Protein backbone atom coordinates (compact mmCIF):
# COMPACT_ATOMS: atom_id res chain seq x y z
CA MET A 1 157.63 77.91 62.70
CA LEU A 2 157.49 79.90 65.34
CA ASN A 3 153.98 81.29 64.62
CA LYS A 4 152.68 77.53 64.36
CA LYS A 5 154.07 76.59 67.80
CA LEU A 6 152.74 80.64 69.53
CA GLY A 7 148.97 79.03 67.62
CA ALA A 8 149.18 75.48 69.30
CA GLY A 9 150.00 77.06 72.37
CA ALA A 10 147.53 79.56 71.94
CA ALA A 11 144.92 76.46 71.42
CA PHE A 12 145.98 74.25 74.03
CA VAL A 13 145.47 77.41 76.47
CA ALA A 14 142.30 78.06 75.02
CA GLY A 15 141.21 74.22 75.72
CA LEU A 16 142.70 74.64 79.00
CA CYS A 17 140.33 77.71 79.91
CA ALA A 18 137.27 75.78 78.12
CA VAL A 19 137.98 72.97 80.39
CA ALA A 20 138.55 75.14 83.42
CA SER A 21 134.99 77.29 82.19
CA ALA A 22 133.09 73.55 82.16
CA VAL A 23 134.59 72.32 85.80
CA SER A 24 133.61 75.82 87.44
CA ALA A 25 130.07 75.66 86.18
CA GLN A 26 129.96 72.22 87.34
CA ASP A 27 131.44 73.08 90.89
CA ALA A 28 128.35 76.41 90.69
CA GLU A 29 126.01 73.86 89.89
CA GLU A 30 127.00 71.84 92.77
CA THR A 31 127.30 74.44 95.33
CA PHE A 32 123.48 74.52 95.27
CA ILE A 33 123.54 71.24 97.21
CA THR A 34 125.65 69.17 99.08
CA ALA A 35 126.70 65.85 98.26
CA LYS A 36 124.86 64.95 101.57
CA GLN A 37 121.58 66.69 100.20
CA GLU A 38 121.64 64.92 96.75
CA GLN A 39 121.82 61.24 98.59
CA THR A 40 118.78 62.57 100.50
CA ALA A 41 116.68 63.03 97.61
CA LYS A 42 117.61 59.62 95.86
CA ARG A 43 116.48 58.05 99.08
CA LEU A 44 113.12 60.00 98.95
CA ILE A 45 112.72 58.82 95.37
CA ASP A 46 113.68 55.08 96.23
CA LYS A 47 110.88 55.21 98.98
CA GLY A 48 108.64 57.17 96.90
CA LEU A 49 108.48 54.38 94.11
CA HIS A 50 107.57 52.35 96.79
CA ASP A 51 105.03 54.39 98.99
CA ASP A 52 101.43 53.61 99.23
CA THR A 53 100.30 56.70 100.97
CA ALA A 54 99.06 58.60 97.96
CA TRP A 55 97.14 55.64 96.70
CA THR A 56 95.43 55.07 99.99
CA LEU A 57 94.40 59.01 100.17
CA LEU A 58 92.62 59.05 96.68
CA GLU A 59 90.92 55.83 97.40
CA SER A 60 89.48 57.12 100.33
CA LEU A 61 88.76 60.62 99.29
CA THR A 62 86.56 59.03 95.73
CA THR A 63 85.08 56.10 97.66
CA GLU A 64 84.32 58.28 101.31
CA ILE A 65 83.29 61.29 99.72
CA GLY A 66 83.04 60.93 96.07
CA PRO A 67 82.14 64.12 93.75
CA ARG A 68 82.72 67.35 95.55
CA MET A 69 80.79 70.15 93.53
CA ALA A 70 82.46 73.84 94.56
CA GLY A 71 80.12 74.95 97.37
CA SER A 72 78.47 71.92 98.35
CA ASP A 73 77.49 69.63 101.50
CA ALA A 74 79.89 67.02 99.42
CA GLU A 75 83.01 69.62 99.25
CA ALA A 76 82.29 70.16 102.68
CA ARG A 77 83.00 66.80 103.75
CA ALA A 78 85.82 66.98 102.03
CA ARG A 79 87.39 69.80 104.00
CA ASP A 80 86.54 67.85 107.07
CA TRP A 81 88.10 64.71 105.57
CA GLY A 82 91.32 66.68 104.47
CA VAL A 83 92.09 67.92 108.01
CA GLN A 84 91.35 64.66 109.69
CA LYS A 85 94.05 62.84 106.95
CA LEU A 86 96.60 65.53 107.28
CA LYS A 87 96.59 65.57 111.01
CA ARG A 88 96.51 62.24 111.19
CA LEU A 89 99.98 62.03 108.57
CA GLY A 90 101.62 64.52 111.17
CA PHE A 91 100.98 67.97 109.64
CA LYS A 92 100.98 70.65 111.58
CA ASN A 93 98.96 73.68 111.97
CA VAL A 94 96.00 72.39 110.22
CA ARG A 95 93.11 74.93 109.00
CA ILE A 96 90.59 75.79 106.90
CA GLU A 97 90.20 79.28 105.64
CA THR A 98 87.15 79.60 104.29
CA PHE A 99 85.31 82.26 101.78
CA GLU A 100 82.31 82.93 100.25
CA LEU A 101 81.02 82.38 96.69
CA THR A 102 78.14 81.22 94.12
CA HIS A 103 77.19 77.72 94.35
CA TRP A 104 75.57 76.30 91.32
CA SER A 105 74.40 72.60 90.82
CA ARG A 106 72.53 70.74 87.90
CA ILE A 107 69.13 69.61 88.53
CA SER A 108 68.22 67.89 85.32
CA GLU A 109 68.80 67.52 81.29
CA ARG A 110 67.99 66.07 78.04
CA ALA A 111 68.38 66.85 74.52
CA GLU A 112 66.86 64.92 71.53
CA ILE A 113 66.18 65.75 68.23
CA VAL A 114 62.91 66.14 67.40
CA SER A 115 62.87 66.32 63.78
CA PRO A 116 63.28 64.56 61.00
CA PHE A 117 64.82 62.02 62.56
CA PRO A 118 63.97 61.73 66.24
CA GLN A 119 66.38 60.38 68.57
CA ALA A 120 68.11 61.43 72.14
CA LEU A 121 71.01 63.21 72.27
CA VAL A 122 73.29 62.53 75.28
CA ILE A 123 74.40 66.19 77.01
CA ALA A 124 75.99 67.74 79.71
CA THR A 125 75.07 71.05 81.09
CA LEU A 126 78.04 73.46 81.84
CA GLY A 127 78.48 74.94 84.73
CA HIS A 128 76.93 78.16 85.64
CA SER A 129 74.34 77.55 82.65
CA PRO A 130 70.97 78.73 83.61
CA SER A 131 67.44 76.72 83.22
CA THR A 132 65.63 76.31 80.02
CA PRO A 133 61.72 77.19 80.82
CA ALA A 134 59.96 74.23 82.01
CA GLY A 135 59.82 71.42 79.46
CA GLY A 136 62.57 72.72 77.35
CA VAL A 137 62.88 74.57 74.55
CA THR A 138 62.95 73.67 70.84
CA GLY A 139 64.76 75.21 67.98
CA GLU A 140 66.11 74.98 64.69
CA VAL A 141 69.98 74.02 64.73
CA VAL A 142 72.44 75.64 62.73
CA ARG A 143 75.90 74.20 63.01
CA PHE A 144 79.35 76.20 62.84
CA GLU A 145 82.42 73.96 62.43
CA THR A 146 84.48 76.55 64.66
CA LEU A 147 84.07 78.73 67.16
CA ALA A 148 85.31 81.69 64.85
CA ALA A 149 82.81 80.81 62.44
CA LEU A 150 80.27 81.78 64.74
CA GLU A 151 81.98 85.18 66.04
CA THR A 152 81.99 85.97 62.30
CA SER A 153 78.63 84.88 61.07
CA ASP A 154 76.14 87.27 59.72
CA ALA A 155 73.10 85.10 60.10
CA ASP A 156 69.91 85.60 61.75
CA LEU A 157 69.80 83.31 64.83
CA SER A 158 67.12 84.31 66.52
CA GLY A 159 65.31 81.55 68.22
CA LYS A 160 67.67 79.26 67.08
CA ILE A 161 69.89 76.61 68.72
CA ILE A 162 73.49 77.38 67.79
CA PHE A 163 75.95 73.91 67.63
CA VAL A 164 79.64 74.63 67.43
CA ASP A 165 81.22 71.68 66.52
CA GLU A 166 85.10 72.47 66.31
CA PRO A 167 87.21 69.26 68.22
CA MET A 168 90.24 69.35 70.25
CA THR A 169 93.34 67.82 69.40
CA ARG A 170 94.77 64.84 71.14
CA THR A 171 98.52 66.19 72.56
CA GLN A 172 100.90 64.79 75.08
CA ASP A 173 101.40 67.93 77.06
CA GLY A 174 97.82 69.22 76.88
CA SER A 175 98.14 71.72 74.40
CA GLY A 176 95.36 71.38 72.38
CA TYR A 177 93.09 71.92 75.43
CA GLY A 178 93.65 76.07 75.67
CA ALA A 179 92.35 76.04 71.78
CA ALA A 180 89.22 74.30 72.34
CA VAL A 181 87.84 75.06 75.17
CA LYS A 182 87.60 78.71 74.23
CA LYS A 183 83.96 77.74 72.79
CA ARG A 184 83.28 76.38 76.43
CA SER A 185 82.90 80.26 77.20
CA ARG A 186 82.59 82.03 74.43
CA ALA A 187 79.88 80.28 72.54
CA THR A 188 77.04 81.34 74.94
CA ILE A 189 78.08 84.57 74.75
CA ILE A 190 78.01 85.37 71.17
CA ALA A 191 74.58 83.21 71.25
CA ALA A 192 72.75 85.62 73.52
CA GLU A 193 74.11 88.28 71.35
CA LYS A 194 72.57 86.71 68.29
CA GLY A 195 69.39 86.21 69.66
CA ALA A 196 70.14 82.07 69.74
CA VAL A 197 68.04 80.49 72.67
CA VAL A 198 70.42 77.52 73.52
CA ALA A 199 74.21 76.65 72.76
CA LEU A 200 75.86 73.61 72.16
CA ILE A 201 79.17 72.73 71.68
CA ARG A 202 81.06 69.60 70.86
CA SER A 203 82.53 68.45 74.33
CA VAL A 204 85.73 69.65 75.11
CA GLY A 205 87.20 66.22 75.25
CA THR A 206 89.35 63.79 72.98
CA ASP A 207 87.11 60.51 73.47
CA SER A 208 84.76 58.72 71.53
CA HIS A 209 82.72 57.82 74.21
CA ARG A 210 78.81 59.00 75.32
CA ASN A 211 80.33 60.65 77.84
CA PRO A 212 79.47 64.44 77.52
CA HIS A 213 82.41 66.70 79.28
CA THR A 214 81.13 69.26 81.69
CA GLY A 215 82.99 72.28 82.64
CA GLY A 216 82.50 76.14 83.18
CA ALA A 217 80.54 77.91 80.70
CA VAL A 218 81.15 81.27 82.62
CA ARG A 219 84.30 80.90 85.17
CA GLY A 220 85.25 83.04 88.18
CA GLY A 221 82.06 84.57 89.53
CA ALA A 222 81.12 86.23 86.55
CA ALA A 223 77.73 87.13 85.16
CA LEU A 224 76.02 83.54 84.57
CA ALA A 225 75.80 82.04 81.39
CA PRO A 226 73.29 84.69 79.01
CA VAL A 227 71.82 81.43 77.63
CA PRO A 228 71.37 78.03 78.49
CA THR A 229 74.43 75.90 77.17
CA ALA A 230 75.65 72.16 77.31
CA ALA A 231 78.32 70.05 75.84
CA LEU A 232 76.99 66.99 73.48
CA SER A 233 79.43 63.84 74.23
CA ASN A 234 81.79 63.36 70.64
CA PRO A 235 79.93 61.11 69.03
CA ASP A 236 76.34 62.43 69.74
CA ALA A 237 78.30 65.86 68.22
CA ASP A 238 78.74 63.31 65.11
CA GLN A 239 75.16 61.98 65.16
CA LEU A 240 73.83 65.60 64.62
CA ALA A 241 76.14 66.92 62.33
CA ARG A 242 75.37 63.72 60.02
CA ALA A 243 71.68 64.95 60.92
CA LEU A 244 72.08 68.20 59.39
CA LYS A 245 74.17 66.79 56.39
CA LEU A 246 71.11 64.32 55.78
CA ALA A 247 68.14 66.13 56.10
CA LYS A 248 66.25 67.66 53.51
CA GLU A 249 64.65 69.83 55.98
CA PRO A 250 65.38 71.82 59.29
CA VAL A 251 66.38 69.46 61.78
CA ARG A 252 64.86 70.94 65.37
CA VAL A 253 65.96 69.85 68.12
CA LEU A 254 64.86 69.88 72.55
CA VAL A 255 67.00 70.82 75.12
CA ASP A 256 65.75 70.88 78.64
CA ILE A 257 68.33 71.87 80.96
CA GLN A 258 67.24 72.80 85.11
CA THR A 259 69.92 74.00 87.12
CA GLU A 260 70.04 75.83 90.36
CA PHE A 261 71.81 78.64 91.98
CA ASN A 262 72.76 79.62 95.75
CA GLN A 263 74.55 83.46 95.47
CA SER A 264 76.20 82.64 98.94
CA ALA A 265 77.73 79.45 99.65
CA THR A 266 80.99 78.80 101.61
CA SER A 267 84.43 76.98 100.46
CA GLY A 268 87.45 76.74 101.64
CA ASN A 269 91.40 75.97 101.46
CA VAL A 270 92.33 73.35 103.54
CA ILE A 271 95.91 74.12 104.70
CA GLY A 272 98.85 71.92 106.63
CA GLU A 273 102.36 72.47 107.24
CA ILE A 274 105.66 70.49 108.19
CA PRO A 275 106.98 74.17 110.11
CA GLY A 276 110.66 74.44 108.78
CA LYS A 277 113.53 76.57 110.50
CA SER A 278 112.38 79.12 108.77
CA ASP A 279 109.60 81.29 108.13
CA GLU A 280 109.87 80.82 104.03
CA LEU A 281 107.38 78.80 102.42
CA ILE A 282 107.47 76.18 99.34
CA VAL A 283 103.70 75.88 98.79
CA VAL A 284 102.45 72.75 96.98
CA GLY A 285 99.02 70.76 96.79
CA GLY A 286 95.82 70.24 94.53
CA HIS A 287 92.15 71.47 94.25
CA LEU A 288 89.69 69.45 96.53
CA ASP A 289 86.73 70.07 94.64
CA SER A 290 85.68 68.03 91.44
CA TRP A 291 82.71 68.14 88.53
CA ASP A 292 79.67 66.37 89.88
CA LEU A 293 79.75 63.51 87.00
CA GLY A 294 83.09 61.33 88.04
CA THR A 295 84.50 61.05 91.09
CA GLY A 296 86.99 63.62 90.72
CA ALA A 297 89.98 60.83 91.06
CA ILE A 298 91.98 62.20 87.88
CA ASP A 299 90.78 66.18 88.47
CA ASP A 300 91.42 66.26 91.14
CA GLY A 301 91.90 63.58 94.00
CA ALA A 302 95.39 62.12 92.29
CA GLY A 303 96.96 65.80 92.61
CA ILE A 304 95.77 66.44 96.30
CA ALA A 305 97.14 62.69 97.45
CA ILE A 306 100.46 62.82 95.38
CA THR A 307 101.49 66.37 96.70
CA VAL A 308 100.28 65.04 100.63
CA ALA A 309 101.95 61.84 100.35
CA ALA A 310 105.54 63.42 98.94
CA ALA A 311 105.20 66.46 101.77
CA LYS A 312 105.06 63.38 104.30
CA LEU A 313 108.01 61.58 102.97
CA VAL A 314 109.99 65.10 103.69
CA GLY A 315 108.55 65.77 106.95
CA ASP A 316 109.43 62.29 107.68
CA LEU A 317 113.55 63.03 107.68
CA LYS A 318 115.33 63.28 110.70
CA GLY A 319 115.28 67.19 111.73
CA LYS A 320 113.27 70.14 110.63
CA PRO A 321 113.82 71.20 106.73
CA ALA A 322 115.36 74.47 106.09
CA ARG A 323 111.92 76.12 104.64
CA THR A 324 108.57 75.48 105.90
CA ILE A 325 106.76 72.95 103.75
CA ARG A 326 102.61 74.48 103.44
CA VAL A 327 100.08 71.23 101.58
CA ILE A 328 97.24 73.56 100.52
CA MET A 329 93.89 71.53 99.23
CA TRP A 330 92.53 74.91 97.24
CA GLY A 331 88.87 74.74 97.01
CA ALA A 332 86.25 75.81 94.29
CA GLU A 333 89.15 75.17 91.47
CA GLU A 334 86.73 74.17 88.69
CA THR A 335 84.25 77.27 89.07
CA GLY A 336 86.36 79.96 88.95
CA LEU A 337 89.68 79.62 91.00
CA TRP A 338 87.86 80.74 93.99
CA GLY A 339 90.26 79.10 96.41
CA ALA A 340 93.26 80.01 94.31
CA LYS A 341 92.27 84.04 94.48
CA ALA A 342 91.44 83.64 98.08
CA TYR A 343 94.41 82.50 99.37
CA ALA A 344 96.38 85.32 97.26
CA LYS A 345 94.19 87.57 99.26
CA ALA A 346 94.53 86.09 102.34
CA HIS A 347 98.46 85.76 102.16
CA GLU A 348 98.99 88.73 100.40
CA GLU A 349 102.03 89.83 103.08
CA GLU A 350 103.76 87.13 103.48
CA LEU A 351 103.86 86.63 99.80
CA SER A 352 107.35 87.90 99.84
CA LEU A 353 108.14 84.35 101.88
CA HIS A 354 106.62 82.49 98.61
CA VAL A 355 109.89 81.24 97.67
CA LEU A 356 108.47 78.66 95.24
CA ALA A 357 104.88 77.06 94.78
CA ALA A 358 103.58 74.51 92.49
CA GLU A 359 100.34 72.55 92.16
CA SER A 360 99.59 69.18 90.89
CA ASP A 361 96.42 69.10 88.48
CA PHE A 362 96.90 67.16 85.39
CA GLY A 363 95.89 63.88 86.39
CA ALA A 364 97.84 60.37 87.51
CA ALA A 365 99.87 59.34 84.62
CA ARG A 366 103.70 59.37 84.82
CA ILE A 367 105.56 62.66 84.98
CA TRP A 368 107.82 63.24 81.85
CA LYS A 369 108.76 66.73 82.12
CA PHE A 370 110.09 69.28 84.30
CA GLN A 371 109.89 72.86 84.01
CA THR A 372 110.27 76.37 85.52
CA ARG A 373 109.58 79.87 86.07
CA PHE A 374 112.53 81.10 87.82
CA GLY A 375 114.50 84.38 87.95
CA ASP A 376 116.78 84.78 84.96
CA ALA A 377 119.63 85.06 87.30
CA MET A 378 118.68 81.91 88.79
CA LEU A 379 118.04 79.35 86.11
CA ALA A 380 121.24 77.21 86.84
CA LYS A 381 119.36 76.44 89.92
CA ALA A 382 117.10 73.97 87.64
CA LYS A 383 119.68 71.94 86.61
CA PRO A 384 119.93 69.58 90.22
CA PHE A 385 116.26 69.29 90.02
CA GLN A 386 116.75 68.07 86.17
CA ARG A 387 119.55 65.71 87.16
CA LEU A 388 118.15 64.07 90.06
CA LEU A 389 114.61 63.32 88.26
CA HIS A 390 116.28 62.20 84.55
CA PRO A 391 116.46 58.79 86.12
CA LEU A 392 112.54 58.53 86.48
CA GLY A 393 111.94 59.68 83.08
CA VAL A 394 111.84 62.90 83.68
CA GLY A 395 112.84 65.32 80.82
CA ALA A 396 114.30 69.11 81.18
CA GLY A 397 111.84 71.91 79.67
CA ASN A 398 111.97 75.35 79.26
CA ASN A 399 111.37 78.28 82.18
CA GLN A 400 107.75 79.17 80.76
CA ALA A 401 106.20 76.99 83.98
CA SER A 402 102.76 77.74 84.74
CA GLY A 403 102.76 76.18 88.07
CA GLY A 404 99.18 74.99 87.73
CA PRO A 405 95.94 76.87 88.00
CA ASP A 406 95.81 77.55 91.48
CA VAL A 407 99.11 79.05 91.85
CA SER A 408 98.39 81.17 88.96
CA PRO A 409 97.46 84.18 91.35
CA LEU A 410 101.12 84.04 93.47
CA ARG A 411 102.84 83.57 89.86
CA ALA A 412 101.27 87.29 88.53
CA ALA A 413 102.38 88.32 92.29
CA GLY A 414 105.84 87.02 91.06
CA VAL A 415 106.57 83.78 92.83
CA PRO A 416 108.16 81.53 91.47
CA VAL A 417 106.96 78.57 89.90
CA ILE A 418 107.89 75.03 88.74
CA SER A 419 105.74 72.45 86.77
CA LEU A 420 106.24 68.64 86.97
CA TYR A 421 104.37 67.86 83.51
CA GLN A 422 102.11 64.35 83.43
CA ASP A 423 101.72 62.53 80.28
CA GLY A 424 98.31 64.00 79.13
CA SER A 425 97.93 62.00 76.08
CA ASP A 426 94.86 60.24 77.26
CA TYR A 427 93.94 62.91 80.10
CA PHE A 428 90.98 64.93 77.92
CA ASP A 429 89.52 61.15 77.55
CA LEU A 430 88.46 61.05 81.19
CA HIS A 431 88.48 65.25 81.91
CA HIS A 432 85.09 66.57 83.20
CA THR A 433 83.28 62.82 82.34
CA PRO A 434 81.65 59.93 84.10
CA ASP A 435 84.70 58.09 83.63
CA ASP A 436 86.98 60.24 85.92
CA THR A 437 87.06 57.34 88.67
CA LEU A 438 89.82 55.35 90.26
CA ASP A 439 89.69 52.48 87.88
CA LYS A 440 91.54 55.20 85.64
CA VAL A 441 94.50 55.19 87.85
CA ASP A 442 97.60 53.62 87.86
CA PRO A 443 99.09 52.52 91.01
CA SER A 444 102.98 52.72 89.99
CA ALA A 445 102.54 55.86 88.03
CA VAL A 446 101.02 57.39 91.02
CA GLN A 447 104.26 56.27 92.69
CA GLN A 448 106.64 57.41 90.15
CA ASN A 449 104.37 61.02 90.76
CA VAL A 450 105.36 60.93 94.73
CA ALA A 451 109.13 60.00 94.10
CA ALA A 452 109.49 63.23 92.10
CA TRP A 453 107.72 65.82 94.13
CA ALA A 454 109.29 64.60 97.17
CA ALA A 455 112.69 65.18 95.68
CA THR A 456 111.90 68.52 94.20
CA ILE A 457 109.81 69.56 97.46
CA TYR A 458 113.04 68.55 99.29
CA LEU A 459 115.51 70.32 97.46
CA ALA A 460 113.07 73.53 96.94
CA SER A 461 113.16 73.70 100.72
CA GLU A 462 116.92 72.79 101.33
CA MET A 463 118.80 74.81 98.09
CA GLN A 464 120.46 78.07 99.46
CA GLY A 465 119.03 81.00 98.11
CA GLY A 466 115.89 81.26 96.53
CA PHE A 467 114.90 81.71 92.75
CA ARG A 468 113.74 85.00 92.10
CA ASP A 469 115.78 87.56 90.11
CA GLY A 470 118.21 89.10 92.98
CA ALA A 471 118.11 86.39 95.35
CA ASP A 472 121.23 85.07 97.60
């Protein structure tokens, strides 16, 4: 009986310890932000859900500037637009940090089946593709179901046109892109190695419209694409595959691509700040350039508009934020992360002051997941963000956030990053196509983004201590 009583008592004590531990953990979480800060974050969310600043910015950028190829006159006009808008919205220390790059542009493109079933095909030249000879080249098409099949093929491809017909899988988080996009850069290199004269790929996209997806064939200022390279729209890829299946003779295709290079052009990052009480930095933004086929509404005008509008809401609060909030409109992302690399290099000496960085660059749909890349010892600091974002329909993710393409050099240098993941189910229907236009954007979804970003930026600025291991 005594042993049983002791056992029950031990269980009771253990239960009390468990409750105390849970309360202690909750208290520890609550010390990251005060009750007043939590209420402020909630007010920012409410304001964001009713704020039209982002929509107004996006409408202006896509209408008054339109397509904004890296290094082009249009991108230069976009930088001037960015400076003007940031100043009017009250940002301080507004400036352009310029850098040099190689500017590529398309002049013309056409493709057609010459025999045995003559008809036009819809293509989009891939970025940094060289031109074909004037008038184009005609060759027999050899189809490969996957990039791997091309890589391992021992067929004689001399003088042939290779066609990589690998499709992309539709996913909410965009994970299908990583596998599918490899053919965009690899196919042209392998084609050259094997003696082919042109590389064609199925568009890296999930739509079923005759809107081919462009994108960089070779990124980051690497050597130019070894052979002329273009993407077929998905229906045209289907058509060419059927022609190859039904033909009783080789299928011959004409491809005529004309492009232009300028080895020395100027781009730049547009920067504006909300000065804080300290010189520590929270960096957010999107990329200002776009491909030339659409008007860059979802990629990445929306990211620019959302982060600027969210930061402005924080800046409108009474008093200075604890940390300086730096908004960046990165230049020349699409053709090789030129702006991202230039920023990381120019600010190398102050990277230790970068407390947190994040980019919005996955469209304009609703945010559904929040992820971090904090130091392991700082993981508990994700919980206040998660709790406040939950009512917006945002779930908690893991600690493997990418932060976005333009903050990847910062992440590599040890800067903690976060990702506010948008629903990408339809993103790759529009990505890098003529359909990337303002009418595809839902204003209410943009407001949900602004609300989530405003609360996140505010908490990141005010939360005591950093997000790296060893932070106070």
